[in-house]
PDB file of all heavy atoms in Angstrom:
ATOM      1  N   PHE A   1      -7.022  15.573  19.205  1.00  0.00           N
ATOM      2  CA  PHE A   1      -5.825  14.906  19.668  1.00  0.00           C
ATOM      3  C   PHE A   1      -6.124  13.865  20.759  1.00  0.00           C
ATOM      4  O   PHE A   1      -5.298  13.144  21.247  1.00  0.00           O
ATOM      5  CB  PHE A   1      -4.799  15.846  20.194  1.00  0.00           C
ATOM      6  CG  PHE A   1      -3.922  16.452  19.191  1.00  0.00           C
ATOM      7  CD1 PHE A   1      -4.354  17.744  18.705  1.00  0.00           C
ATOM      8  CD2 PHE A   1      -2.969  15.909  18.525  1.00  0.00           C
ATOM      9  CE1 PHE A   1      -3.598  18.441  17.763  1.00  0.00           C
ATOM     10  CE2 PHE A   1      -2.176  16.506  17.615  1.00  0.00           C
ATOM     11  CZ  PHE A   1      -2.520  17.746  17.148  1.00  0.00           C
ATOM     12  N   HIS A   2      -7.500  13.651  21.011  1.00  0.00           N
ATOM     13  CA  HIS A   2      -7.898  12.747  22.087  1.00  0.00           C
ATOM     14  C   HIS A   2      -7.530  11.208  21.616  1.00  0.00           C
ATOM     15  O   HIS A   2      -7.693  10.962  20.415  1.00  0.00           O
ATOM     16  CB  HIS A   2      -9.355  12.842  22.364  1.00  0.00           C
ATOM     17  CG  HIS A   2      -9.866  12.166  23.555  1.00  0.00           C
ATOM     18  ND1 HIS A   2     -10.109  10.782  23.589  1.00  0.00           N
ATOM     19  CD2 HIS A   2     -10.105  12.642  24.814  1.00  0.00           C
ATOM     20  CE1 HIS A   2     -10.439  10.479  24.820  1.00  0.00           C
ATOM     21  NE2 HIS A   2     -10.457  11.554  25.548  1.00  0.00           N
ATOM     22  N   PRO A   3      -7.174  10.418  22.514  1.00  0.00           N
ATOM     23  CA  PRO A   3      -6.841   9.011  22.178  1.00  0.00           C
ATOM     24  C   PRO A   3      -7.985   8.255  21.501  1.00  0.00           C
ATOM     25  O   PRO A   3      -7.774   7.336  20.714  1.00  0.00           O
ATOM     26  CB  PRO A   3      -6.534   8.366  23.535  1.00  0.00           C
ATOM     27  CG  PRO A   3      -6.106   9.528  24.395  1.00  0.00           C
ATOM     28  CD  PRO A   3      -6.846  10.680  23.947  1.00  0.00           C
ATOM     29  N   ASP A   4      -9.228   8.706  21.693  1.00  0.00           N
ATOM     30  CA  ASP A   4     -10.414   8.005  21.151  1.00  0.00           C
ATOM     31  C   ASP A   4     -10.752   8.545  19.690  1.00  0.00           C
ATOM     32  O   ASP A   4     -11.688   8.091  19.080  1.00  0.00           O
ATOM     33  CB  ASP A   4     -11.604   8.271  21.980  1.00  0.00           C
ATOM     34  CG  ASP A   4     -11.529   7.512  23.255  1.00  0.00           C
ATOM     35  OD1 ASP A   4     -10.819   6.478  23.323  1.00  0.00           O
ATOM     36  OD2 ASP A   4     -12.139   7.910  24.295  1.00  0.00           O
ATOM     37  N   ALA A   5      -9.984   9.543  19.216  1.00  0.00           N
ATOM     38  CA  ALA A   5     -10.239  10.123  17.881  1.00  0.00           C
ATOM     39  C   ALA A   5      -9.987   8.962  16.843  1.00  0.00           C
ATOM     40  O   ALA A   5      -9.128   8.179  16.996  1.00  0.00           O
ATOM     41  CB  ALA A   5      -9.254  11.230  17.653  1.00  0.00           C
ATOM     42  N   PRO A   6     -10.861   8.976  15.758  1.00  0.00           N
ATOM     43  CA  PRO A   6     -10.651   7.978  14.753  1.00  0.00           C
ATOM     44  C   PRO A   6      -9.280   7.939  14.170  1.00  0.00           C
ATOM     45  O   PRO A   6      -8.634   9.020  14.103  1.00  0.00           O
ATOM     46  CB  PRO A   6     -11.771   8.395  13.743  1.00  0.00           C
ATOM     47  CG  PRO A   6     -12.736   9.164  14.444  1.00  0.00           C
ATOM     48  CD  PRO A   6     -11.940   9.858  15.514  1.00  0.00           C
ATOM     49  N   ALA A   7      -8.840   6.753  13.740  1.00  0.00           N
ATOM     50  CA  ALA A   7      -7.465   6.669  13.138  1.00  0.00           C
ATOM     51  C   ALA A   7      -7.250   7.587  12.000  1.00  0.00           C
ATOM     52  O   ALA A   7      -6.126   8.138  11.803  1.00  0.00           O
ATOM     53  CB  ALA A   7      -7.307   5.140  12.718  1.00  0.00           C
ATOM     54  N   GLU A   8      -8.321   7.852  11.171  1.00  0.00           N
ATOM     55  CA  GLU A   8      -8.124   8.755  10.016  1.00  0.00           C
ATOM     56  C   GLU A   8      -7.750  10.120  10.433  1.00  0.00           C
ATOM     57  O   GLU A   8      -6.835  10.790   9.861  1.00  0.00           O
ATOM     58  CB  GLU A   8      -9.447   8.843   9.203  1.00  0.00           C
ATOM     59  CG  GLU A   8      -9.402   9.732   8.067  1.00  0.00           C
ATOM     60  CD  GLU A   8     -10.692   9.908   7.277  1.00  0.00           C
ATOM     61  OE1 GLU A   8     -11.754   9.331   7.874  1.00  0.00           O
ATOM     62  OE2 GLU A   8     -10.758  10.513   6.219  1.00  0.00           O
ATOM     63  N   ILE A   9      -8.393  10.600  11.591  1.00  0.00           N
ATOM     64  CA  ILE A   9      -8.078  11.987  12.073  1.00  0.00           C
ATOM     65  C   ILE A   9      -6.654  11.931  12.612  1.00  0.00           C
ATOM     66  O   ILE A   9      -5.781  12.863  12.352  1.00  0.00           O
ATOM     67  CB  ILE A   9      -9.096  12.318  13.161  1.00  0.00           C
ATOM     68  CG1 ILE A   9     -10.364  12.608  12.470  1.00  0.00           C
ATOM     69  CG2 ILE A   9      -8.574  13.648  13.899  1.00  0.00           C
ATOM     70  CD1 ILE A   9     -11.534  13.004  13.477  1.00  0.00           C
ATOM     71  N   GLN A  10      -6.242  10.906  13.361  1.00  0.00           N
ATOM     72  CA  GLN A  10      -4.931  10.826  13.996  1.00  0.00           C
ATOM     73  C   GLN A  10      -3.829  10.918  12.908  1.00  0.00           C
ATOM     74  O   GLN A  10      -2.913  11.538  13.068  1.00  0.00           O
ATOM     75  CB  GLN A  10      -4.836   9.513  14.884  1.00  0.00           C
ATOM     76  CG  GLN A  10      -5.818   9.502  16.083  1.00  0.00           C
ATOM     77  CD  GLN A  10      -5.237  10.396  17.147  1.00  0.00           C
ATOM     78  OE1 GLN A  10      -4.076  10.757  17.202  1.00  0.00           O
ATOM     79  NE2 GLN A  10      -6.093  10.580  18.077  1.00  0.00           N
ATOM     80  N   GLU A  11      -4.097  10.036  11.906  1.00  0.00           N
ATOM     81  CA  GLU A  11      -3.105   9.905  10.827  1.00  0.00           C
ATOM     82  C   GLU A  11      -2.967  11.302  10.123  1.00  0.00           C
ATOM     83  O   GLU A  11      -1.856  11.685   9.710  1.00  0.00           O
ATOM     84  CB  GLU A  11      -3.348   8.812   9.842  1.00  0.00           C
ATOM     85  CG  GLU A  11      -3.139   7.425  10.394  1.00  0.00           C
ATOM     86  CD  GLU A  11      -1.729   7.262  10.872  1.00  0.00           C
ATOM     87  OE1 GLU A  11      -0.806   7.601  10.141  1.00  0.00           O
ATOM     88  OE2 GLU A  11      -1.585   6.790  12.025  1.00  0.00           O
ATOM     89  N   ARG A  12      -4.105  11.971   9.824  1.00  0.00           N
ATOM     90  CA  ARG A  12      -4.076  13.218   9.157  1.00  0.00           C
ATOM     91  C   ARG A  12      -3.303  14.245  10.030  1.00  0.00           C
ATOM     92  O   ARG A  12      -2.499  15.050   9.422  1.00  0.00           O
ATOM     93  CB  ARG A  12      -5.459  13.664   8.852  1.00  0.00           C
ATOM     94  CG  ARG A  12      -5.565  14.948   8.021  1.00  0.00           C
ATOM     95  CD  ARG A  12      -5.054  14.711   6.627  1.00  0.00           C
ATOM     96  NE  ARG A  12      -5.346  15.802   5.775  1.00  0.00           N
ATOM     97  CZ  ARG A  12      -4.482  16.246   4.751  1.00  0.00           C
ATOM     98  NH1 ARG A  12      -3.447  15.539   4.471  1.00  0.00           N
ATOM     99  NH2 ARG A  12      -4.847  17.291   4.057  1.00  0.00           N
ATOM    100  N   LEU A  13      -3.569  14.246  11.325  1.00  0.00           N
ATOM    101  CA  LEU A  13      -2.911  15.285  12.187  1.00  0.00           C
ATOM    102  C   LEU A  13      -1.370  14.899  12.296  1.00  0.00           C
ATOM    103  O   LEU A  13      -0.530  15.727  12.413  1.00  0.00           O
ATOM    104  CB  LEU A  13      -3.577  15.142  13.573  1.00  0.00           C
ATOM    105  CG  LEU A  13      -4.892  15.849  13.697  1.00  0.00           C
ATOM    106  CD1 LEU A  13      -5.467  15.558  15.097  1.00  0.00           C
ATOM    107  CD2 LEU A  13      -4.792  17.378  13.494  1.00  0.00           C
ATOM    108  N   ARG A  14      -1.087  13.608  12.240  1.00  0.00           N
ATOM    109  CA  ARG A  14       0.307  13.155  12.343  1.00  0.00           C
ATOM    110  C   ARG A  14       1.056  13.746  11.168  1.00  0.00           C
ATOM    111  O   ARG A  14       2.233  14.234  11.308  1.00  0.00           O
ATOM    112  CB  ARG A  14       0.407  11.596  12.358  1.00  0.00           C
ATOM    113  CG  ARG A  14       1.857  11.064  12.643  1.00  0.00           C
ATOM    114  CD  ARG A  14       1.849   9.542  12.441  1.00  0.00           C
ATOM    115  NE  ARG A  14       0.784   8.929  13.168  1.00  0.00           N
ATOM    116  CZ  ARG A  14       0.851   8.669  14.506  1.00  0.00           C
ATOM    117  NH1 ARG A  14       1.950   8.861  15.112  1.00  0.00           N
ATOM    118  NH2 ARG A  14      -0.068   8.114  15.091  1.00  0.00           N
ATOM    119  N   TYR A  15       0.493  13.801   9.946  1.00  0.00           N
ATOM    120  CA  TYR A  15       1.103  14.347   8.845  1.00  0.00           C
ATOM    121  C   TYR A  15       1.162  15.868   8.854  1.00  0.00           C
ATOM    122  O   TYR A  15       2.218  16.381   8.639  1.00  0.00           O
ATOM    123  CB  TYR A  15       0.370  13.860   7.502  1.00  0.00           C
ATOM    124  CG  TYR A  15       0.852  14.572   6.318  1.00  0.00           C
ATOM    125  CD1 TYR A  15       2.076  14.156   5.807  1.00  0.00           C
ATOM    126  CD2 TYR A  15       0.131  15.621   5.654  1.00  0.00           C
ATOM    127  CE1 TYR A  15       2.586  14.834   4.679  1.00  0.00           C
ATOM    128  CE2 TYR A  15       0.610  16.259   4.550  1.00  0.00           C
ATOM    129  CZ  TYR A  15       1.957  15.849   4.029  1.00  0.00           C
ATOM    130  OH  TYR A  15       2.511  16.508   2.945  1.00  0.00           O
ATOM    131  N   LEU A  16      -0.006  16.536   9.205  1.00  0.00           N
ATOM    132  CA  LEU A  16      -0.026  17.965   9.114  1.00  0.00           C
ATOM    133  C   LEU A  16       0.786  18.665  10.233  1.00  0.00           C
ATOM    134  O   LEU A  16       1.340  19.741   9.939  1.00  0.00           O
ATOM    135  CB  LEU A  16      -1.478  18.359   9.232  1.00  0.00           C
ATOM    136  CG  LEU A  16      -2.427  17.999   8.065  1.00  0.00           C
ATOM    137  CD1 LEU A  16      -3.892  18.365   8.420  1.00  0.00           C
ATOM    138  CD2 LEU A  16      -1.966  18.626   6.725  1.00  0.00           C
ATOM    139  N   THR A  17       0.829  18.049  11.424  1.00  0.00           N
ATOM    140  CA  THR A  17       1.610  18.709  12.504  1.00  0.00           C
ATOM    141  C   THR A  17       3.016  18.043  12.693  1.00  0.00           C
ATOM    142  O   THR A  17       3.690  18.461  13.555  1.00  0.00           O
ATOM    143  CB  THR A  17       0.902  18.597  13.748  1.00  0.00           C
ATOM    144  OG1 THR A  17       0.719  17.285  14.270  1.00  0.00           O
ATOM    145  CG2 THR A  17      -0.531  19.263  13.572  1.00  0.00           C
ATOM    146  N   GLY A  18       3.250  17.038  11.846  1.00  0.00           N
ATOM    147  CA  GLY A  18       4.594  16.305  11.959  1.00  0.00           C
ATOM    148  C   GLY A  18       5.333  16.169  10.711  1.00  0.00           C
ATOM    149  O   GLY A  18       6.102  17.091  10.327  1.00  0.00           O
ATOM    150  N   THR A  19       5.102  15.111  10.021  1.00  0.00           N
ATOM    151  CA  THR A  19       5.801  14.736   8.845  1.00  0.00           C
ATOM    152  C   THR A  19       5.860  15.862   7.769  1.00  0.00           C
ATOM    153  O   THR A  19       6.930  16.192   7.101  1.00  0.00           O
ATOM    154  CB  THR A  19       5.247  13.517   8.254  1.00  0.00           C
ATOM    155  OG1 THR A  19       5.093  12.550   9.166  1.00  0.00           O
ATOM    156  CG2 THR A  19       6.164  12.981   7.123  1.00  0.00           C
ATOM    157  N   ARG A  20       4.758  16.537   7.557  1.00  0.00           N
ATOM    158  CA  ARG A  20       4.660  17.614   6.598  1.00  0.00           C
ATOM    159  C   ARG A  20       5.620  18.768   6.779  1.00  0.00           C
ATOM    160  O   ARG A  20       6.171  19.361   5.831  1.00  0.00           O
ATOM    161  CB  ARG A  20       3.232  18.193   6.590  1.00  0.00           C
ATOM    162  CG  ARG A  20       2.983  19.461   5.739  1.00  0.00           C
ATOM    163  CD  ARG A  20       1.528  19.825   5.743  1.00  0.00           C
ATOM    164  NE  ARG A  20       1.306  21.159   5.294  1.00  0.00           N
ATOM    165  CZ  ARG A  20       1.148  22.217   6.042  1.00  0.00           C
ATOM    166  NH1 ARG A  20       1.278  22.203   7.364  1.00  0.00           N
ATOM    167  NH2 ARG A  20       0.925  23.474   5.567  1.00  0.00           N
ATOM    168  N   LEU A  21       6.049  18.965   8.045  1.00  0.00           N
ATOM    169  CA  LEU A  21       6.924  20.009   8.408  1.00  0.00           C
ATOM    170  C   LEU A  21       8.388  19.729   7.908  1.00  0.00           C
ATOM    171  O   LEU A  21       9.261  20.734   7.912  1.00  0.00           O
ATOM    172  CB  LEU A  21       6.883  20.371   9.842  1.00  0.00           C
ATOM    173  CG  LEU A  21       5.739  21.318  10.287  1.00  0.00           C
ATOM    174  CD1 LEU A  21       4.483  20.624  10.172  1.00  0.00           C
ATOM    175  CD2 LEU A  21       6.013  21.753  11.731  1.00  0.00           C
ATOM    176  N   TYR A  22       8.659  18.498   7.571  1.00  0.00           N
ATOM    177  CA  TYR A  22      10.039  18.141   7.249  1.00  0.00           C
ATOM    178  C   TYR A  22      10.200  17.525   5.896  1.00  0.00           C
ATOM    179  O   TYR A  22      11.301  17.307   5.388  1.00  0.00           O
ATOM    180  CB  TYR A  22      10.588  17.082   8.311  1.00  0.00           C
ATOM    181  CG  TYR A  22      10.451  17.648   9.688  1.00  0.00           C
ATOM    182  CD1 TYR A  22       9.450  17.293  10.544  1.00  0.00           C
ATOM    183  CD2 TYR A  22      11.498  18.432  10.267  1.00  0.00           C
ATOM    184  CE1 TYR A  22       9.386  17.743  11.838  1.00  0.00           C
ATOM    185  CE2 TYR A  22      11.408  18.984  11.501  1.00  0.00           C
ATOM    186  CZ  TYR A  22      10.387  18.620  12.347  1.00  0.00           C
ATOM    187  OH  TYR A  22      10.298  19.021  13.590  1.00  0.00           O
ATOM    188  N   ASP A  23       9.056  17.357   5.167  1.00  0.00           N
ATOM    189  CA  ASP A  23       9.141  16.723   3.887  1.00  0.00           C
ATOM    190  C   ASP A  23       9.931  17.414   2.911  1.00  0.00           C
ATOM    191  O   ASP A  23      10.572  16.851   2.091  1.00  0.00           O
ATOM    192  CB  ASP A  23       7.596  16.711   3.241  1.00  0.00           C
ATOM    193  CG  ASP A  23       7.055  15.377   3.385  1.00  0.00           C
ATOM    194  OD1 ASP A  23       7.763  14.372   3.682  1.00  0.00           O
ATOM    195  OD2 ASP A  23       5.798  15.228   3.152  1.00  0.00           O
ATOM    196  N   HIS A  24      10.158  18.731   3.012  1.00  0.00           N
ATOM    197  CA  HIS A  24      10.972  19.583   2.114  1.00  0.00           C
ATOM    198  C   HIS A  24      12.394  19.265   2.208  1.00  0.00           C
ATOM    199  O   HIS A  24      13.184  19.574   1.263  1.00  0.00           O
ATOM    200  CB  HIS A  24      10.699  21.025   2.315  1.00  0.00           C
ATOM    201  CG  HIS A  24      11.153  21.525   3.635  1.00  0.00           C
ATOM    202  ND1 HIS A  24      10.424  21.149   4.882  1.00  0.00           N
ATOM    203  CD2 HIS A  24      12.124  22.344   4.005  1.00  0.00           C
ATOM    204  CE1 HIS A  24      11.028  21.763   5.860  1.00  0.00           C
ATOM    205  NE2 HIS A  24      12.040  22.475   5.450  1.00  0.00           N
ATOM    206  N   LEU A  25      12.879  18.598   3.257  1.00  0.00           N
ATOM    207  CA  LEU A  25      14.301  18.304   3.420  1.00  0.00           C
ATOM    208  C   LEU A  25      14.813  17.479   2.365  1.00  0.00           C
ATOM    209  O   LEU A  25      16.009  17.628   1.882  1.00  0.00           O
ATOM    210  CB  LEU A  25      14.517  17.616   4.863  1.00  0.00           C
ATOM    211  CG  LEU A  25      14.388  18.509   6.121  1.00  0.00           C
ATOM    212  CD1 LEU A  25      14.491  17.641   7.299  1.00  0.00           C
ATOM    213  CD2 LEU A  25      15.209  19.740   6.083  1.00  0.00           C
ATOM    214  N   LYS A  26      14.053  16.569   1.826  1.00  0.00           N
ATOM    215  CA  LYS A  26      14.549  15.663   0.833  1.00  0.00           C
ATOM    216  C   LYS A  26      14.742  16.324  -0.518  1.00  0.00           C
ATOM    217  O   LYS A  26      15.342  15.753  -1.443  1.00  0.00           O
ATOM    218  CB  LYS A  26      13.679  14.365   0.659  1.00  0.00           C
ATOM    219  CG  LYS A  26      12.244  14.640   0.338  1.00  0.00           C
ATOM    220  CD  LYS A  26      11.446  13.364   0.494  1.00  0.00           C
ATOM    221  CE  LYS A  26       9.911  13.568   0.357  1.00  0.00           C
ATOM    222  NZ  LYS A  26       9.199  12.391   0.755  1.00  0.00           N
ATOM    223  N   HIS A  27      14.246  17.535  -0.686  1.00  0.00           N
ATOM    224  CA  HIS A  27      14.376  18.278  -1.914  1.00  0.00           C
ATOM    225  C   HIS A  27      15.490  19.345  -1.852  1.00  0.00           C
ATOM    226  O   HIS A  27      15.816  19.993  -2.828  1.00  0.00           O
ATOM    227  CB  HIS A  27      13.089  19.022  -2.243  1.00  0.00           C
ATOM    228  CG  HIS A  27      11.974  17.968  -2.368  1.00  0.00           C
ATOM    229  ND1 HIS A  27      11.888  16.956  -3.267  1.00  0.00           N
ATOM    230  CD2 HIS A  27      10.778  18.020  -1.638  1.00  0.00           C
ATOM    231  CE1 HIS A  27      10.769  16.323  -3.117  1.00  0.00           C
ATOM    232  NE2 HIS A  27      10.041  16.848  -2.160  1.00  0.00           N
ATOM    233  N   GLN A  28      16.059  19.472  -0.663  1.00  0.00           N
ATOM    234  CA  GLN A  28      17.062  20.556  -0.451  1.00  0.00           C
ATOM    235  C   GLN A  28      18.405  20.044  -0.955  1.00  0.00           C
ATOM    236  O   GLN A  28      19.310  20.975  -1.201  1.00  0.00           O
ATOM    237  CB  GLN A  28      17.258  21.015   1.026  1.00  0.00           C
ATOM    238  CG  GLN A  28      15.883  21.716   1.511  1.00  0.00           C
ATOM    239  CD  GLN A  28      16.054  22.221   2.908  1.00  0.00           C
ATOM    240  OE1 GLN A  28      16.962  21.788   3.656  1.00  0.00           O
ATOM    241  NE2 GLN A  28      15.169  23.077   3.304  1.00  0.00           N
ATOM    242  N   GLN A  29      18.627  18.789  -1.123  1.00  0.00           N
ATOM    243  CA  GLN A  29      19.964  18.362  -1.594  1.00  0.00           C
ATOM    244  C   GLN A  29      19.667  17.351  -2.778  1.00  0.00           C
ATOM    245  O   GLN A  29      19.748  16.148  -2.486  1.00  0.00           O
ATOM    246  CB  GLN A  29      20.692  17.668  -0.452  1.00  0.00           C
ATOM    247  CG  GLN A  29      21.105  18.605   0.691  1.00  0.00           C
ATOM    248  CD  GLN A  29      21.953  17.991   1.691  1.00  0.00           C
ATOM    249  OE1 GLN A  29      23.015  17.539   1.373  1.00  0.00           O
ATOM    250  NE2 GLN A  29      21.454  17.940   2.904  1.00  0.00           N
TER     251      GLN A  29
END
């Protein structure tokens, strides 16, 4: 999570610890 981490790592973490947790909402309705 360090600011110097490569963009690829940051984007992957953004998805895994963020967006991925809410993706299922669009399938609930």
